[in-house]
Amino acid sequence: MTIAALLAGMFLATYLTRASFLVFGRHLRFPPALKAALQHVPVAVLTAIIVPEALAPGGQVDISLGNPWLVGTVVAAVVARLSGHLLLSLGVSFAVFGLMRWW
């Protein structure tokens, strides 16, 4: 198969999947249980992206205070929980991460 055929196939699969919700979206009715479950998808996706890198930067598991990725992630979670401000938690965690990498 050529690269052009692969790209065309990926384009069609992506386009048709997304277009189906635009075309048929008004007629779809999701049950309340599914709506409630879908609210947890963003948190689950972000956790799946962040946790492996925080616990195993570079592919090696490192659960110690010397791991700047882990410490920065924990600091971000604590600051976000206590303050409720996303930007503040990002700034503080980036500062902690940067200081740990610099020293």
Protein backbone atom coordinates (compact mmCIF):
# COMPACT_ATOMS: atom_id res chain seq x y z
CA MET A 1 0.00 0.00 0.00
CA THR A 2 1.28 3.43 -0.76
CA ILE A 3 1.58 6.24 1.69
CA ALA A 4 -1.07 8.23 -0.21
CA ALA A 5 -3.59 5.39 0.15
CA LEU A 6 -2.83 5.11 3.87
CA LEU A 7 -3.27 8.85 4.35
CA ALA A 8 -6.53 8.81 2.38
CA GLY A 9 -7.84 5.93 4.48
CA MET A 10 -6.93 7.66 7.74
CA PHE A 11 -8.53 10.88 6.51
CA LEU A 12 -11.76 9.11 5.57
CA ALA A 13 -11.96 7.22 8.86
CA THR A 14 -11.39 10.38 10.87
CA TYR A 15 -13.68 12.56 8.77
CA LEU A 16 -16.58 10.10 8.67
CA THR A 17 -16.39 9.45 12.40
CA ARG A 18 -16.48 13.14 13.24
CA ALA A 19 -19.00 14.07 10.57
CA SER A 20 -21.43 11.42 11.79
CA PHE A 21 -21.87 13.33 15.05
CA LEU A 22 -22.53 16.55 13.16
CA VAL A 23 -25.03 14.94 10.81
CA PHE A 24 -26.81 12.65 13.26
CA GLY A 25 -26.03 14.49 16.50
CA ARG A 26 -29.49 15.99 16.94
CA HIS A 27 -31.08 12.56 16.75
CA LEU A 28 -28.76 10.83 19.23
CA ARG A 29 -29.97 10.50 22.79
CA PHE A 30 -27.53 9.15 25.34
CA PRO A 31 -28.76 7.44 28.50
CA PRO A 32 -28.08 9.32 31.76
CA ALA A 33 -25.57 6.68 32.90
CA LEU A 34 -23.49 7.15 29.73
CA LYS A 35 -23.62 10.95 30.08
CA ALA A 36 -22.38 10.64 33.66
CA ALA A 37 -19.59 8.27 32.61
CA LEU A 38 -18.45 10.55 29.77
CA GLN A 39 -17.84 13.38 32.23
CA HIS A 40 -14.89 11.40 33.63
CA VAL A 41 -13.14 10.91 30.28
CA PRO A 42 -10.99 14.10 30.35
CA VAL A 43 -9.61 13.30 33.81
CA ALA A 44 -8.90 9.69 32.81
CA VAL A 45 -7.10 10.75 29.62
CA LEU A 46 -4.95 13.36 31.38
CA THR A 47 -4.08 10.86 34.10
CA ALA A 48 -3.09 8.28 31.50
CA ILE A 49 -0.77 10.82 29.86
CA ILE A 50 0.80 12.39 32.96
CA VAL A 51 1.27 9.55 35.47
CA PRO A 52 3.56 7.29 33.39
CA GLU A 53 5.94 10.16 32.67
CA ALA A 54 5.90 11.34 36.29
CA LEU A 55 6.62 7.89 37.69
CA ALA A 56 9.02 6.66 35.02
CA PRO A 57 10.81 9.51 33.24
CA GLY A 58 12.98 8.10 30.48
CA GLY A 59 11.45 4.65 30.91
CA GLN A 60 13.00 3.94 34.33
CA VAL A 61 10.73 3.87 37.37
CA ASP A 62 11.86 6.49 39.89
CA ILE A 63 9.63 7.03 42.92
CA SER A 64 11.88 9.30 44.93
CA LEU A 65 12.14 12.92 45.98
CA GLY A 66 14.96 13.29 43.45
CA ASN A 67 12.54 12.82 40.54
CA PRO A 68 11.61 16.36 39.40
CA TRP A 69 8.74 15.09 37.22
CA LEU A 70 7.10 13.35 40.16
CA VAL A 71 7.68 16.18 42.61
CA GLY A 72 6.42 18.75 40.10
CA THR A 73 3.29 16.70 39.45
CA VAL A 74 2.55 16.28 43.16
CA VAL A 75 3.16 20.00 43.78
CA ALA A 76 0.80 20.88 40.91
CA ALA A 77 -1.92 18.63 42.32
CA VAL A 78 -1.57 20.00 45.86
CA VAL A 79 -1.50 23.66 44.79
CA ALA A 80 -4.47 23.13 42.43
CA ARG A 81 -6.45 21.41 45.19
CA LEU A 82 -5.68 24.03 47.83
CA SER A 83 -5.98 27.15 45.67
CA GLY A 84 -8.35 26.11 42.91
CA HIS A 85 -6.28 28.12 40.41
CA LEU A 86 -4.92 26.18 37.44
CA LEU A 87 -2.47 28.87 36.33
CA LEU A 88 -1.02 29.21 39.83
CA SER A 89 -0.54 25.44 40.10
CA LEU A 90 1.19 25.34 36.71
CA GLY A 91 3.50 28.22 37.60
CA VAL A 92 4.48 26.82 40.98
CA SER A 93 5.00 23.30 39.65
CA PHE A 94 7.10 24.59 36.73
CA ALA A 95 9.22 26.60 39.18
CA VAL A 96 9.73 23.56 41.41
CA PHE A 97 10.54 21.38 38.40
CA GLY A 98 12.97 23.95 37.01
CA LEU A 99 14.74 24.42 40.33
CA MET A 100 15.09 20.66 40.81
CA ARG A 101 16.50 20.24 37.29
CA TRP A 102 18.84 23.17 37.73
CA TRP A 103 20.35 21.94 41.00
